[in-house]
Amino acid sequence: MREDKQMLVMTHLSQLLDLVTGVGGFIVPLILWLTQKDKVAGMDMHGKMILNFQISLFIYSIICIPLIILFGLGILLLIIIGLIALILPIINALKVSNGEMPYYPLTIEFLK
């Protein structure tokens, strides 16, 4: 296995494709994880972390839909989810480039 911080940083930043394409932020990290997890040191852990975060954001967004209809709170929560989806990948990409461990709060652990 080889060390490749740039690949790990790009994997975290690839989540931002969601803001452009709607689904690229899940598909690109998934492809990078599946193709590089045995080649790049740490990719398996980072890939699982990113996919768990993306799946969690999707579930939280789905939960907001009935909250929009019932209380109107869902709109505020969707804005917060959008900000989290924008800010956390950038923060964690910076952490990875500095050799620190990334962290995605409120992430449900589907892949272990």
PDB file of N, CA and C in Angstrom:
ATOM      1  N   MET A   1       0.835  -1.194   0.000  1.00  0.00           N
ATOM      2  CA  MET A   1       0.000   0.000   0.000  1.00  0.00           C
ATOM      3  C   MET A   1       0.868   1.241   0.000  1.00  0.00           C
ATOM      4  N   ARG A   2       0.376   2.243  -0.676  1.00  0.00           N
ATOM      5  CA  ARG A   2       1.133   3.483  -0.741  1.00  0.00           C
ATOM      6  C   ARG A   2       0.412   4.600   0.015  1.00  0.00           C
ATOM      7  N   GLU A   3       1.190   5.539   0.526  1.00  0.00           N
ATOM      8  CA  GLU A   3       0.638   6.725   1.179  1.00  0.00           C
ATOM      9  C   GLU A   3       0.264   7.720   0.080  1.00  0.00           C
ATOM     10  N   ASP A   4      -0.934   8.270   0.135  1.00  0.00           N
ATOM     11  CA  ASP A   4      -1.359   9.230  -0.879  1.00  0.00           C
ATOM     12  C   ASP A   4      -2.359  10.199  -0.247  1.00  0.00           C
ATOM     13  N   LYS A   5      -1.811  11.232   0.405  1.00  0.00           N
ATOM     14  CA  LYS A   5      -2.670  12.226   1.067  1.00  0.00           C
ATOM     15  C   LYS A   5      -3.554  12.957   0.067  1.00  0.00           C
ATOM     16  N   GLN A   6      -2.998  13.231  -1.133  1.00  0.00           N
ATOM     17  CA  GLN A   6      -3.786  13.951  -2.128  1.00  0.00           C
ATOM     18  C   GLN A   6      -5.024  13.173  -2.528  1.00  0.00           C
ATOM     19  N   MET A   7      -4.907  11.864  -2.663  1.00  0.00           N
ATOM     20  CA  MET A   7      -6.057  11.031  -3.024  1.00  0.00           C
ATOM     21  C   MET A   7      -7.104  11.068  -1.911  1.00  0.00           C
ATOM     22  N   LEU A   8      -6.656  11.007  -0.658  1.00  0.00           N
ATOM     23  CA  LEU A   8      -7.589  11.074   0.466  1.00  0.00           C
ATOM     24  C   LEU A   8      -8.277  12.442   0.530  1.00  0.00           C
ATOM     25  N   VAL A   9      -7.518  13.506   0.295  1.00  0.00           N
ATOM     26  CA  VAL A   9      -8.089  14.857   0.289  1.00  0.00           C
ATOM     27  C   VAL A   9      -9.121  14.973  -0.830  1.00  0.00           C
ATOM     28  N   MET A  10      -8.781  14.484  -2.015  1.00  0.00           N
ATOM     29  CA  MET A  10      -9.715  14.555  -3.150  1.00  0.00           C
ATOM     30  C   MET A  10     -10.972  13.727  -2.883  1.00  0.00           C
ATOM     31  N   THR A  11     -10.832  12.627  -2.177  1.00  0.00           N
ATOM     32  CA  THR A  11     -11.991  11.807  -1.852  1.00  0.00           C
ATOM     33  C   THR A  11     -12.946  12.591  -0.950  1.00  0.00           C
ATOM     34  N   HIS A  12     -12.403  13.292   0.027  1.00  0.00           N
ATOM     35  CA  HIS A  12     -13.246  14.113   0.906  1.00  0.00           C
ATOM     36  C   HIS A  12     -13.879  15.270   0.120  1.00  0.00           C
ATOM     37  N   LEU A  13     -13.098  15.927  -0.724  1.00  0.00           N
ATOM     38  CA  LEU A  13     -13.614  17.064  -1.485  1.00  0.00           C
ATOM     39  C   LEU A  13     -14.610  16.639  -2.568  1.00  0.00           C
ATOM     40  N   SER A  14     -14.517  15.398  -3.027  1.00  0.00           N
ATOM     41  CA  SER A  14     -15.434  14.933  -4.079  1.00  0.00           C
ATOM     42  C   SER A  14     -16.886  14.931  -3.604  1.00  0.00           C
ATOM     43  N   GLN A  15     -17.096  14.973  -2.304  1.00  0.00           N
ATOM     44  CA  GLN A  15     -18.463  15.062  -1.786  1.00  0.00           C
ATOM     45  C   GLN A  15     -19.149  16.352  -2.209  1.00  0.00           C
ATOM     46  N   LEU A  16     -18.369  17.373  -2.507  1.00  0.00           N
ATOM     47  CA  LEU A  16     -18.930  18.657  -2.906  1.00  0.00           C
ATOM     48  C   LEU A  16     -19.602  18.581  -4.277  1.00  0.00           C
ATOM     49  N   LEU A  17     -19.382  17.497  -5.006  1.00  0.00           N
ATOM     50  CA  LEU A  17     -20.074  17.308  -6.281  1.00  0.00           C
ATOM     51  C   LEU A  17     -21.583  17.239  -6.092  1.00  0.00           C
ATOM     52  N   ASP A  18     -22.028  16.867  -4.895  1.00  0.00           N
ATOM     53  CA  ASP A  18     -23.468  16.864  -4.598  1.00  0.00           C
ATOM     54  C   ASP A  18     -24.075  18.232  -4.850  1.00  0.00           C
ATOM     55  N   LEU A  19     -23.338  19.270  -4.556  1.00  0.00           N
ATOM     56  CA  LEU A  19     -23.853  20.619  -4.719  1.00  0.00           C
ATOM     57  C   LEU A  19     -23.975  21.005  -6.191  1.00  0.00           C
ATOM     58  N   VAL A  20     -23.244  20.290  -7.059  1.00  0.00           N
ATOM     59  CA  VAL A  20     -23.273  20.577  -8.493  1.00  0.00           C
ATOM     60  C   VAL A  20     -24.187  19.602  -9.234  1.00  0.00           C
ATOM     61  N   THR A  21     -24.001  18.307  -8.983  1.00  0.00           N
ATOM     62  CA  THR A  21     -24.718  17.283  -9.748  1.00  0.00           C
ATOM     63  C   THR A  21     -25.892  16.675  -9.000  1.00  0.00           C
ATOM     64  N   GLY A  22     -25.902  16.760  -7.687  1.00  0.00           N
ATOM     65  CA  GLY A  22     -26.969  16.158  -6.900  1.00  0.00           C
ATOM     66  C   GLY A  22     -26.644  14.770  -6.391  1.00  0.00           C
ATOM     67  N   VAL A  23     -25.908  13.989  -7.170  1.00  0.00           N
ATOM     68  CA  VAL A  23     -25.582  12.624  -6.735  1.00  0.00           C
ATOM     69  C   VAL A  23     -24.092  12.311  -6.812  1.00  0.00           C
ATOM     70  N   GLY A  24     -23.304  13.136  -7.467  1.00  0.00           N
ATOM     71  CA  GLY A  24     -21.881  12.859  -7.631  1.00  0.00           C
ATOM     72  C   GLY A  24     -21.128  12.762  -6.326  1.00  0.00           C
ATOM     73  N   GLY A  25     -21.609  13.416  -5.298  1.00  0.00           N
ATOM     74  CA  GLY A  25     -20.951  13.404  -4.002  1.00  0.00           C
ATOM     75  C   GLY A  25     -21.043  12.079  -3.288  1.00  0.00           C
ATOM     76  N   PHE A  26     -21.884  11.186  -3.792  1.00  0.00           N
ATOM     77  CA  PHE A  26     -21.940   9.829  -3.258  1.00  0.00           C
ATOM     78  C   PHE A  26     -21.231   8.863  -4.205  1.00  0.00           C
ATOM     79  N   ILE A  27     -21.467   9.015  -5.493  1.00  0.00           N
ATOM     80  CA  ILE A  27     -20.946   8.071  -6.475  1.00  0.00           C
ATOM     81  C   ILE A  27     -19.430   8.147  -6.608  1.00  0.00           C
ATOM     82  N   VAL A  28     -18.877   9.350  -6.695  1.00  0.00           N
ATOM     83  CA  VAL A  28     -17.425   9.490  -6.881  1.00  0.00           C
ATOM     84  C   VAL A  28     -16.649   8.947  -5.673  1.00  0.00           C
ATOM     85  N   PRO A  29     -17.001   9.316  -4.418  1.00  0.00           N
ATOM     86  CA  PRO A  29     -16.277   8.702  -3.294  1.00  0.00           C
ATOM     87  C   PRO A  29     -16.457   7.176  -3.252  1.00  0.00           C
ATOM     88  N   LEU A  30     -17.642   6.686  -3.638  1.00  0.00           N
ATOM     89  CA  LEU A  30     -17.870   5.244  -3.677  1.00  0.00           C
ATOM     90  C   LEU A  30     -16.919   4.572  -4.667  1.00  0.00           C
ATOM     91  N   ILE A  31     -16.795   5.136  -5.864  1.00  0.00           N
ATOM     92  CA  ILE A  31     -15.899   4.574  -6.881  1.00  0.00           C
ATOM     93  C   ILE A  31     -14.447   4.647  -6.418  1.00  0.00           C
ATOM     94  N   LEU A  32     -14.054   5.803  -5.866  1.00  0.00           N
ATOM     95  CA  LEU A  32     -12.675   5.939  -5.370  1.00  0.00           C
ATOM     96  C   LEU A  32     -12.395   4.932  -4.262  1.00  0.00           C
ATOM     97  N   TRP A  33     -13.350   4.765  -3.353  1.00  0.00           N
ATOM     98  CA  TRP A  33     -13.165   3.815  -2.253  1.00  0.00           C
ATOM     99  C   TRP A  33     -13.049   2.393  -2.784  1.00  0.00           C
ATOM    100  N   LEU A  34     -13.955   2.009  -3.671  1.00  0.00           N
ATOM    101  CA  LEU A  34     -13.947   0.634  -4.190  1.00  0.00           C
ATOM    102  C   LEU A  34     -12.690   0.321  -4.992  1.00  0.00           C
ATOM    103  N   THR A  35     -12.180   1.296  -5.735  1.00  0.00           N
ATOM    104  CA  THR A  35     -11.014   1.032  -6.581  1.00  0.00           C
ATOM    105  C   THR A  35      -9.678   1.228  -5.863  1.00  0.00           C
ATOM    106  N   GLN A  36      -9.654   2.031  -4.791  1.00  0.00           N
ATOM    107  CA  GLN A  36      -8.384   2.380  -4.156  1.00  0.00           C
ATOM    108  C   GLN A  36      -8.208   1.851  -2.738  1.00  0.00           C
ATOM    109  N   LYS A  37      -9.227   1.197  -2.176  1.00  0.00           N
ATOM    110  CA  LYS A  37      -9.133   0.801  -0.762  1.00  0.00           C
ATOM    111  C   LYS A  37      -8.008  -0.178  -0.478  1.00  0.00           C
ATOM    112  N   ASP A  38      -7.601  -0.958  -1.468  1.00  0.00           N
ATOM    113  CA  ASP A  38      -6.497  -1.903  -1.264  1.00  0.00           C
ATOM    114  C   ASP A  38      -5.158  -1.344  -1.727  1.00  0.00           C
ATOM    115  N   LYS A  39      -5.180  -0.155  -2.334  1.00  0.00           N
ATOM    116  CA  LYS A  39      -3.957   0.423  -2.886  1.00  0.00           C
ATOM    117  C   LYS A  39      -3.426   1.607  -2.077  1.00  0.00           C
ATOM    118  N   VAL A  40      -4.330   2.371  -1.459  1.00  0.00           N
ATOM    119  CA  VAL A  40      -3.934   3.595  -0.733  1.00  0.00           C
ATOM    120  C   VAL A  40      -4.152   3.376   0.762  1.00  0.00           C
ATOM    121  N   ALA A  41      -3.117   3.642   1.536  1.00  0.00           N
ATOM    122  CA  ALA A  41      -3.210   3.488   2.993  1.00  0.00           C
ATOM    123  C   ALA A  41      -4.251   4.446   3.549  1.00  0.00           C
ATOM    124  N   GLY A  42      -5.186   3.912   4.323  1.00  0.00           N
ATOM    125  CA  GLY A  42      -6.207   4.727   4.957  1.00  0.00           C
ATOM    126  C   GLY A  42      -7.463   4.921   4.126  1.00  0.00           C
ATOM    127  N   MET A  43      -7.434   4.543   2.857  1.00  0.00           N
ATOM    128  CA  MET A  43      -8.595   4.774   1.991  1.00  0.00           C
ATOM    129  C   MET A  43      -9.818   3.995   2.458  1.00  0.00           C
ATOM    130  N   ASP A  44      -9.614   2.791   2.968  1.00  0.00           N
ATOM    131  CA  ASP A  44     -10.761   1.994   3.418  1.00  0.00           C
ATOM    132  C   ASP A  44     -11.501   2.720   4.540  1.00  0.00           C
ATOM    133  N   MET A  45     -10.764   3.215   5.516  1.00  0.00           N
ATOM    134  CA  MET A  45     -11.379   3.921   6.640  1.00  0.00           C
ATOM    135  C   MET A  45     -12.030   5.233   6.192  1.00  0.00           C
ATOM    136  N   HIS A  46     -11.301   6.017   5.394  1.00  0.00           N
ATOM    137  CA  HIS A  46     -11.827   7.308   4.936  1.00  0.00           C
ATOM    138  C   HIS A  46     -13.043   7.112   4.037  1.00  0.00           C
ATOM    139  N   GLY A  47     -12.981   6.137   3.145  1.00  0.00           N
ATOM    140  CA  GLY A  47     -14.105   5.866   2.250  1.00  0.00           C
ATOM    141  C   GLY A  47     -15.357   5.480   3.010  1.00  0.00           C
ATOM    142  N   LYS A  48     -15.212   4.603   3.987  1.00  0.00           N
ATOM    143  CA  LYS A  48     -16.364   4.197   4.799  1.00  0.00           C
ATOM    144  C   LYS A  48     -16.925   5.385   5.572  1.00  0.00           C
ATOM    145  N   MET A  49     -16.034   6.219   6.094  1.00  0.00           N
ATOM    146  CA  MET A  49     -16.453   7.398   6.852  1.00  0.00           C
ATOM    147  C   MET A  49     -17.272   8.337   5.958  1.00  0.00           C
ATOM    148  N   ILE A  50     -16.793   8.569   4.743  1.00  0.00           N
ATOM    149  CA  ILE A  50     -17.464   9.468   3.810  1.00  0.00           C
ATOM    150  C   ILE A  50     -18.809   8.889   3.381  1.00  0.00           C
ATOM    151  N   LEU A  51     -18.847   7.608   3.049  1.00  0.00           N
ATOM    152  CA  LEU A  51     -20.107   6.993   2.614  1.00  0.00           C
ATOM    153  C   LEU A  51     -21.129   6.973   3.744  1.00  0.00           C
ATOM    154  N   ASN A  52     -20.695   6.688   4.961  1.00  0.00           N
ATOM    155  CA  ASN A  52     -21.608   6.742   6.108  1.00  0.00           C
ATOM    156  C   ASN A  52     -22.173   8.154   6.277  1.00  0.00           C
ATOM    157  N   PHE A  53     -21.324   9.161   6.099  1.00  0.00           N
ATOM    158  CA  PHE A  53     -21.757  10.553   6.209  1.00  0.00           C
ATOM    159  C   PHE A  53     -22.782  10.886   5.123  1.00  0.00           C
ATOM    160  N   GLN A  54     -22.506  10.472   3.895  1.00  0.00           N
ATOM    161  CA  GLN A  54     -23.423  10.758   2.785  1.00  0.00           C
ATOM    162  C   GLN A  54     -24.773  10.065   2.966  1.00  0.00           C
ATOM    163  N   ILE A  55     -24.748   8.818   3.393  1.00  0.00           N
ATOM    164  CA  ILE A  55     -25.997   8.082   3.638  1.00  0.00           C
ATOM    165  C   ILE A  55     -26.771   8.744   4.775  1.00  0.00           C
ATOM    166  N   SER A  56     -26.070   9.151   5.824  1.00  0.00           N
ATOM    167  CA  SER A  56     -26.717   9.825   6.955  1.00  0.00           C
ATOM    168  C   SER A  56     -27.373  11.132   6.516  1.00  0.00           C
ATOM    169  N   LEU A  57     -26.674  11.927   5.707  1.00  0.00           N
ATOM    170  CA  LEU A  57     -27.246  13.180   5.216  1.00  0.00           C
ATOM    171  C   LEU A  57     -28.510  12.910   4.392  1.00  0.00           C
ATOM    172  N   PHE A  58     -28.471  11.868   3.585  1.00  0.00           N
ATOM    173  CA  PHE A  58     -29.643  11.513   2.780  1.00  0.00           C
ATOM    174  C   PHE A  58     -30.827  11.165   3.672  1.00  0.00           C
ATOM    175  N   ILE A  59     -30.584  10.360   4.690  1.00  0.00           N
ATOM    176  CA  ILE A  59     -31.661   9.965   5.612  1.00  0.00           C
ATOM    177  C   ILE A  59     -32.206  11.188   6.341  1.00  0.00           C
ATOM    178  N   TYR A  60     -31.315  12.051   6.825  1.00  0.00           N
ATOM    179  CA  TYR A  60     -31.767  13.258   7.517  1.00  0.00           C
ATOM    180  C   TYR A  60     -32.591  14.152   6.583  1.00  0.00           C
ATOM    181  N   SER A  61     -32.207  14.219   5.316  1.00  0.00           N
ATOM    182  CA  SER A  61     -32.958  15.018   4.345  1.00  0.00           C
ATOM    183  C   SER A  61     -34.344  14.438   4.111  1.00  0.00           C
ATOM    184  N   ILE A  62     -34.442  13.116   4.026  1.00  0.00           N
ATOM    185  CA  ILE A  62     -35.741  12.454   3.843  1.00  0.00           C
ATOM    186  C   ILE A  62     -36.641  12.720   5.054  1.00  0.00           C
ATOM    187  N   ILE A  63     -36.060  12.687   6.245  1.00  0.00           N
ATOM    188  CA  ILE A  63     -36.825  12.952   7.469  1.00  0.00           C
ATOM    189  C   ILE A  63     -37.377  14.383   7.466  1.00  0.00           C
ATOM    190  N   CYS A  64     -36.674  15.310   6.833  1.00  0.00           N
ATOM    191  CA  CYS A  64     -37.112  16.711   6.795  1.00  0.00           C
ATOM    192  C   CYS A  64     -38.378  16.917   5.967  1.00  0.00           C
ATOM    193  N   ILE A  65     -38.651  16.036   5.007  1.00  0.00           N
ATOM    194  CA  ILE A  65     -39.803  16.227   4.118  1.00  0.00           C
ATOM    195  C   ILE A  65     -41.125  16.274   4.889  1.00  0.00           C
ATOM    196  N   PRO A  66     -41.424  15.284   5.743  1.00  0.00           N
ATOM    197  CA  PRO A  66     -42.671  15.415   6.499  1.00  0.00           C
ATOM    198  C   PRO A  66     -42.646  16.579   7.488  1.00  0.00           C
ATOM    199  N   LEU A  67     -41.454  16.954   7.952  1.00  0.00           N
ATOM    200  CA  LEU A  67     -41.362  18.093   8.868  1.00  0.00           C
ATOM    201  C   LEU A  67     -41.704  19.409   8.170  1.00  0.00           C
ATOM    202  N   ILE A  68     -41.467  19.484   6.864  1.00  0.00           N
ATOM    203  CA  ILE A  68     -41.856  20.675   6.105  1.00  0.00           C
ATOM    204  C   ILE A  68     -43.376  20.782   6.092  1.00  0.00           C
ATOM    205  N   ILE A  69     -44.021  19.665   5.815  1.00  0.00           N
ATOM    206  CA  ILE A  69     -45.480  19.650   5.717  1.00  0.00           C
ATOM    207  C   ILE A  69     -46.128  19.876   7.085  1.00  0.00           C
ATOM    208  N   LEU A  70     -45.583  19.233   8.094  1.00  0.00           N
ATOM    209  CA  LEU A  70     -46.199  19.310   9.419  1.00  0.00           C
ATOM    210  C   LEU A  70     -45.904  20.605  10.158  1.00  0.00           C
ATOM    211  N   PHE A  71     -44.663  20.991  10.187  1.00  0.00           N
ATOM    212  CA  PHE A  71     -44.277  22.100  11.049  1.00  0.00           C
ATOM    213  C   PHE A  71     -43.572  23.258  10.337  1.00  0.00           C
ATOM    214  N   GLY A  72     -43.120  23.046   9.126  1.00  0.00           N
ATOM    215  CA  GLY A  72     -42.318  24.060   8.456  1.00  0.00           C
ATOM    216  C   GLY A  72     -40.877  24.082   8.927  1.00  0.00           C
ATOM    217  N   LEU A  73     -40.576  23.260   9.934  1.00  0.00           N
ATOM    218  CA  LEU A  73     -39.211  23.164  10.468  1.00  0.00           C
ATOM    219  C   LEU A  73     -38.249  22.526   9.479  1.00  0.00           C
ATOM    220  N   GLY A  74     -38.793  21.677   8.610  1.00  0.00           N
ATOM    221  CA  GLY A  74     -37.960  20.936   7.676  1.00  0.00           C
ATOM    222  C   GLY A  74     -37.133  21.836   6.783  1.00  0.00           C
ATOM    223  N   ILE A  75     -37.658  22.992   6.429  1.00  0.00           N
ATOM    224  CA  ILE A  75     -36.912  23.913   5.563  1.00  0.00           C
ATOM    225  C   ILE A  75     -35.659  24.401   6.280  1.00  0.00           C
ATOM    226  N   LEU A  76     -35.801  24.780   7.533  1.00  0.00           N
ATOM    227  CA  LEU A  76     -34.647  25.220   8.314  1.00  0.00           C
ATOM    228  C   LEU A  76     -33.631  24.077   8.460  1.00  0.00           C
ATOM    229  N   LEU A  77     -34.130  22.880   8.738  1.00  0.00           N
ATOM    230  CA  LEU A  77     -33.231  21.728   8.882  1.00  0.00           C
ATOM    231  C   LEU A  77     -32.535  21.396   7.568  1.00  0.00           C
ATOM    232  N   LEU A  78     -33.222  21.521   6.433  1.00  0.00           N
ATOM    233  CA  LEU A  78     -32.584  21.273   5.136  1.00  0.00           C
ATOM    234  C   LEU A  78     -31.479  22.290   4.855  1.00  0.00           C
ATOM    235  N   ILE A  79     -31.696  23.526   5.266  1.00  0.00           N
ATOM    236  CA  ILE A  79     -30.651  24.551   5.112  1.00  0.00           C
ATOM    237  C   ILE A  79     -29.433  24.183   5.957  1.00  0.00           C
ATOM    238  N   ILE A  80     -29.676  23.744   7.184  1.00  0.00           N
ATOM    239  CA  ILE A  80     -28.579  23.329   8.073  1.00  0.00           C
ATOM    240  C   ILE A  80     -27.844  22.128   7.479  1.00  0.00           C
ATOM    241  N   ILE A  81     -28.595  21.148   6.965  1.00  0.00           N
ATOM    242  CA  ILE A  81     -27.974  19.970   6.337  1.00  0.00           C
ATOM    243  C   ILE A  81     -27.122  20.403   5.148  1.00  0.00           C
ATOM    244  N   GLY A  82     -27.629  21.345   4.347  1.00  0.00           N
ATOM    245  CA  GLY A  82     -26.861  21.856   3.208  1.00  0.00           C
ATOM    246  C   GLY A  82     -25.562  22.512   3.631  1.00  0.00           C
ATOM    247  N   LEU A  83     -25.617  23.295   4.696  1.00  0.00           N
ATOM    248  CA  LEU A  83     -24.398  23.933   5.205  1.00  0.00           C
ATOM    249  C   LEU A  83     -23.407  22.901   5.732  1.00  0.00           C
ATOM    250  N   ILE A  84     -23.925  21.900   6.428  1.00  0.00           N
ATOM    251  CA  ILE A  84     -23.059  20.824   6.935  1.00  0.00           C
ATOM    252  C   ILE A  84     -22.410  20.078   5.770  1.00  0.00           C
ATOM    253  N   ALA A  85     -23.199  19.802   4.721  1.00  0.00           N
ATOM    254  CA  ALA A  85     -22.684  19.087   3.547  1.00  0.00           C
ATOM    255  C   ALA A  85     -21.630  19.906   2.808  1.00  0.00           C
ATOM    256  N   LEU A  86     -21.671  21.230   2.953  1.00  0.00           N
ATOM    257  CA  LEU A  86     -20.678  22.098   2.325  1.00  0.00           C
ATOM    258  C   LEU A  86     -19.430  22.245   3.186  1.00  0.00           C
ATOM    259  N   ILE A  87     -19.619  22.445   4.475  1.00  0.00           N
ATOM    260  CA  ILE A  87     -18.509  22.816   5.355  1.00  0.00           C
ATOM    261  C   ILE A  87     -17.667  21.620   5.808  1.00  0.00           C
ATOM    262  N   LEU A  88     -18.323  20.530   6.244  1.00  0.00           N
ATOM    263  CA  LEU A  88     -17.560  19.409   6.818  1.00  0.00           C
ATOM    264  C   LEU A  88     -16.586  18.740   5.838  1.00  0.00           C
ATOM    265  N   PRO A  89     -16.945  18.518   4.574  1.00  0.00           N
ATOM    266  CA  PRO A  89     -15.944  17.935   3.671  1.00  0.00           C
ATOM    267  C   PRO A  89     -14.707  18.816   3.509  1.00  0.00           C
ATOM    268  N   ILE A  90     -14.898  20.133   3.493  1.00  0.00           N
ATOM    269  CA  ILE A  90     -13.748  21.041   3.362  1.00  0.00           C
ATOM    270  C   ILE A  90     -12.886  20.987   4.611  1.00  0.00           C
ATOM    271  N   ILE A  91     -13.516  21.049   5.781  1.00  0.00           N
ATOM    272  CA  ILE A  91     -12.769  20.976   7.045  1.00  0.00           C
ATOM    273  C   ILE A  91     -12.003  19.659   7.133  1.00  0.00           C
ATOM    274  N   ASN A  92     -12.666  18.556   6.792  1.00  0.00           N
ATOM    275  CA  ASN A  92     -12.012  17.252   6.907  1.00  0.00           C
ATOM    276  C   ASN A  92     -10.939  17.047   5.847  1.00  0.00           C
ATOM    277  N   ALA A  93     -11.088  17.641   4.675  1.00  0.00           N
ATOM    278  CA  ALA A  93     -10.021  17.577   3.673  1.00  0.00           C
ATOM    279  C   ALA A  93      -8.785  18.319   4.189  1.00  0.00           C
ATOM    280  N   LEU A  94      -8.999  19.454   4.839  1.00  0.00           N
ATOM    281  CA  LEU A  94      -7.878  20.187   5.431  1.00  0.00           C
ATOM    282  C   LEU A  94      -7.219  19.385   6.541  1.00  0.00           C
ATOM    283  N   LYS A  95      -8.041  18.724   7.357  1.00  0.00           N
ATOM    284  CA  LYS A  95      -7.479  17.891   8.426  1.00  0.00           C
ATOM    285  C   LYS A  95      -6.618  16.775   7.849  1.00  0.00           C
ATOM    286  N   VAL A  96      -7.121  16.105   6.814  1.00  0.00           N
ATOM    287  CA  VAL A  96      -6.372  15.003   6.199  1.00  0.00           C
ATOM    288  C   VAL A  96      -5.063  15.520   5.613  1.00  0.00           C
ATOM    289  N   SER A  97      -5.093  16.682   4.971  1.00  0.00           N
ATOM    290  CA  SER A  97      -3.859  17.223   4.383  1.00  0.00           C
ATOM    291  C   SER A  97      -2.838  17.582   5.454  1.00  0.00           C
ATOM    292  N   ASN A  98      -3.309  17.857   6.675  1.00  0.00           N
ATOM    293  CA  ASN A  98      -2.401  18.163   7.794  1.00  0.00           C
ATOM    294  C   ASN A  98      -2.058  16.927   8.611  1.00  0.00           C
ATOM    295  N   GLY A  99      -2.509  15.761   8.173  1.00  0.00           N
ATOM    296  CA  GLY A  99      -2.198  14.524   8.882  1.00  0.00           C
ATOM    297  C   GLY A  99      -3.071  14.256  10.087  1.00  0.00           C
ATOM    298  N   GLU A 100      -4.167  14.991  10.229  1.00  0.00           N
ATOM    299  CA  GLU A 100      -5.081  14.788  11.352  1.00  0.00           C
ATOM    300  C   GLU A 100      -6.195  13.835  10.949  1.00  0.00           C
ATOM    301  N   MET A 101      -6.915  13.327  11.961  1.00  0.00           N
ATOM    302  CA  MET A 101      -8.025  12.416  11.725  1.00  0.00           C
ATOM    303  C   MET A 101      -9.304  13.207  11.460  1.00  0.00           C
ATOM    304  N   PRO A 102      -9.988  12.937  10.347  1.00  0.00           N
ATOM    305  CA  PRO A 102     -11.242  13.645  10.076  1.00  0.00           C
ATOM    306  C   PRO A 102     -12.362  13.141  10.977  1.00  0.00           C
ATOM    307  N   TYR A 103     -13.405  13.969  11.116  1.00  0.00           N
ATOM    308  CA  TYR A 103     -14.548  13.590  11.950  1.00  0.00           C
ATOM    309  C   TYR A 103     -15.830  14.163  11.357  1.00  0.00           C
ATOM    310  N   TYR A 104     -16.811  13.310  11.188  1.00  0.00           N
ATOM    311  CA  TYR A 104     -18.141  13.726  10.728  1.00  0.00           C
ATOM    312  C   TYR A 104     -19.127  13.456  11.845  1.00  0.00           C
ATOM    313  N   PRO A 105     -19.577  14.513  12.544  1.00  0.00           N
ATOM    314  CA  PRO A 105     -20.508  14.311  13.666  1.00  0.00           C
ATOM    315  C   PRO A 105     -21.894  13.877  13.179  1.00  0.00           C
ATOM    316  N   LEU A 106     -22.637  13.221  14.049  1.00  0.00           N
ATOM    317  CA  LEU A 106     -24.004  12.753  13.816  1.00  0.00           C
ATOM    318  C   LEU A 106     -24.107  11.791  12.633  1.00  0.00           C
ATOM    319  N   THR A 107     -23.023  11.072  12.356  1.00  0.00           N
ATOM    320  CA  THR A 107     -23.016  10.116  11.263  1.00  0.00           C
ATOM    321  C   THR A 107     -23.438   8.741  11.799  1.00  0.00           C
ATOM    322  N   ILE A 108     -24.375   8.129  11.103  1.00  0.00           N
ATOM    323  CA  ILE A 108     -24.794   6.774  11.440  1.00  0.00           C
ATOM    324  C   ILE A 108     -23.810   5.810  10.793  1.00  0.00           C
ATOM    325  N   GLU A 109     -23.308   4.861  11.552  1.00  0.00           N
ATOM    326  CA  GLU A 109     -22.292   3.953  11.041  1.00  0.00           C
ATOM    327  C   GLU A 109     -22.941   2.727  10.388  1.00  0.00           C
ATOM    328  N   PHE A 110     -23.081   2.794   9.055  1.00  0.00           N
ATOM    329  CA  PHE A 110     -23.628   1.678   8.298  1.00  0.00           C
ATOM    330  C   PHE A 110     -22.519   0.722   7.886  1.00  0.00           C
ATOM    331  N   LEU A 111     -21.419   1.281   7.379  1.00  0.00           N
ATOM    332  CA  LEU A 111     -20.263   0.488   6.973  1.00  0.00           C
ATOM    333  C   LEU A 111     -19.253   0.514   8.095  1.00  0.00           C
ATOM    334  N   LYS A 112     -18.804  -0.647   8.508  1.00  0.00           N
ATOM    335  CA  LYS A 112     -17.844  -0.707   9.616  1.00  0.00           C
ATOM    336  C   LYS A 112     -16.508  -1.183   9.160  1.00  0.00           C
TER     337      LYS A 112
END
